[in-house]
């Protein structure tokens, strides 16, 4: 079943939006992690442990 061009464009737009949100979250996390006195990598480890 072929994919319509409009559906493909919607998927591309959705993926782009998702990636933009992920980048923003990572940037904000990096900006605020120093207030906790830990590195970004340490924060990621703690997040994975919970």
C-alpha atoms as a PDB file:
ATOM      1  CA  UNK A   1       0.000   0.000   0.000  1.00  0.00           C
ATOM      2  CA  UNK A   2       1.682   3.238  -1.114  1.00  0.00           C
ATOM      3  CA  UNK A   3       2.037   6.141   1.289  1.00  0.00           C
ATOM      4  CA  UNK A   4       0.424   9.392   0.223  1.00  0.00           C
ATOM      5  CA  UNK A   5       2.697  12.400  -0.092  1.00  0.00           C
ATOM      6  CA  UNK A   6       0.554  14.375   2.393  1.00  0.00           C
ATOM      7  CA  UNK A   7       0.881  11.596   4.972  1.00  0.00           C
ATOM      8  CA  UNK A   8       4.636  11.545   4.493  1.00  0.00           C
ATOM      9  CA  UNK A   9       4.805  15.311   5.018  1.00  0.00           C
ATOM     10  CA  UNK A  10       2.774  14.985   8.224  1.00  0.00           C
ATOM     11  CA  UNK A  11       5.140  12.332   9.544  1.00  0.00           C
ATOM     12  CA  UNK A  12       8.157  14.500   8.685  1.00  0.00           C
ATOM     13  CA  UNK A  13       6.599  17.484  10.456  1.00  0.00           C
ATOM     14  CA  UNK A  14       5.740  15.415  13.522  1.00  0.00           C
ATOM     15  CA  UNK A  15       9.253  13.982  13.716  1.00  0.00           C
ATOM     16  CA  UNK A  16      10.781  17.428  13.321  1.00  0.00           C
ATOM     17  CA  UNK A  17       8.606  18.801  16.131  1.00  0.00           C
ATOM     18  CA  UNK A  18       9.533  15.875  18.376  1.00  0.00           C
ATOM     19  CA  UNK A  19      13.231  16.437  17.749  1.00  0.00           C
ATOM     20  CA  UNK A  20      12.870  20.174  18.484  1.00  0.00           C
ATOM     21  CA  UNK A  21      11.212  19.387  21.825  1.00  0.00           C
ATOM     22  CA  UNK A  22      13.928  16.866  22.698  1.00  0.00           C
ATOM     23  CA  UNK A  23      16.651  19.426  21.930  1.00  0.00           C
ATOM     24  CA  UNK A  24      14.897  22.047  24.063  1.00  0.00           C
ATOM     25  CA  UNK A  25      14.574  19.639  27.002  1.00  0.00           C
ATOM     26  CA  UNK A  26      18.245  18.705  26.753  1.00  0.00           C
ATOM     27  CA  UNK A  27      19.282  22.383  26.594  1.00  0.00           C
ATOM     28  CA  UNK A  28      17.150  23.310  29.610  1.00  0.00           C
ATOM     29  CA  UNK A  29      18.444  20.330  31.562  1.00  0.00           C
ATOM     30  CA  UNK A  30      22.037  21.333  30.853  1.00  0.00           C
ATOM     31  CA  UNK A  31      21.301  24.911  31.899  1.00  0.00           C
ATOM     32  CA  UNK A  32      19.787  23.896  35.238  1.00  0.00           C
ATOM     33  CA  UNK A  33      21.875  20.866  36.194  1.00  0.00           C
ATOM     34  CA  UNK A  34      24.675  23.025  37.522  1.00  0.00           C
ATOM     35  CA  UNK A  35      22.358  24.389  40.223  1.00  0.00           C
ATOM     36  CA  UNK A  36      22.196  20.826  41.574  1.00  0.00           C
ATOM     37  CA  UNK A  37      25.984  20.547  41.701  1.00  0.00           C
ATOM     38  CA  UNK A  38      26.162  17.542  39.366  1.00  0.00           C
ATOM     39  CA  UNK A  39      27.216  17.028  35.772  1.00  0.00           C
ATOM     40  CA  UNK A  40      24.810  16.372  32.928  1.00  0.00           C
ATOM     41  CA  UNK A  41      25.994  12.755  32.711  1.00  0.00           C
ATOM     42  CA  UNK A  42      25.430  12.236  36.456  1.00  0.00           C
ATOM     43  CA  UNK A  43      21.921  13.639  36.075  1.00  0.00           C
ATOM     44  CA  UNK A  44      21.219  11.217  33.213  1.00  0.00           C
ATOM     45  CA  UNK A  45      22.427   8.303  35.369  1.00  0.00           C
ATOM     46  CA  UNK A  46      20.154   9.331  38.233  1.00  0.00           C
ATOM     47  CA  UNK A  47      17.229   9.630  35.842  1.00  0.00           C
ATOM     48  CA  UNK A  48      17.851   6.112  34.553  1.00  0.00           C
ATOM     49  CA  UNK A  49      18.070   4.701  38.094  1.00  0.00           C
ATOM     50  CA  UNK A  50      14.624   5.863  39.160  1.00  0.00           C
END
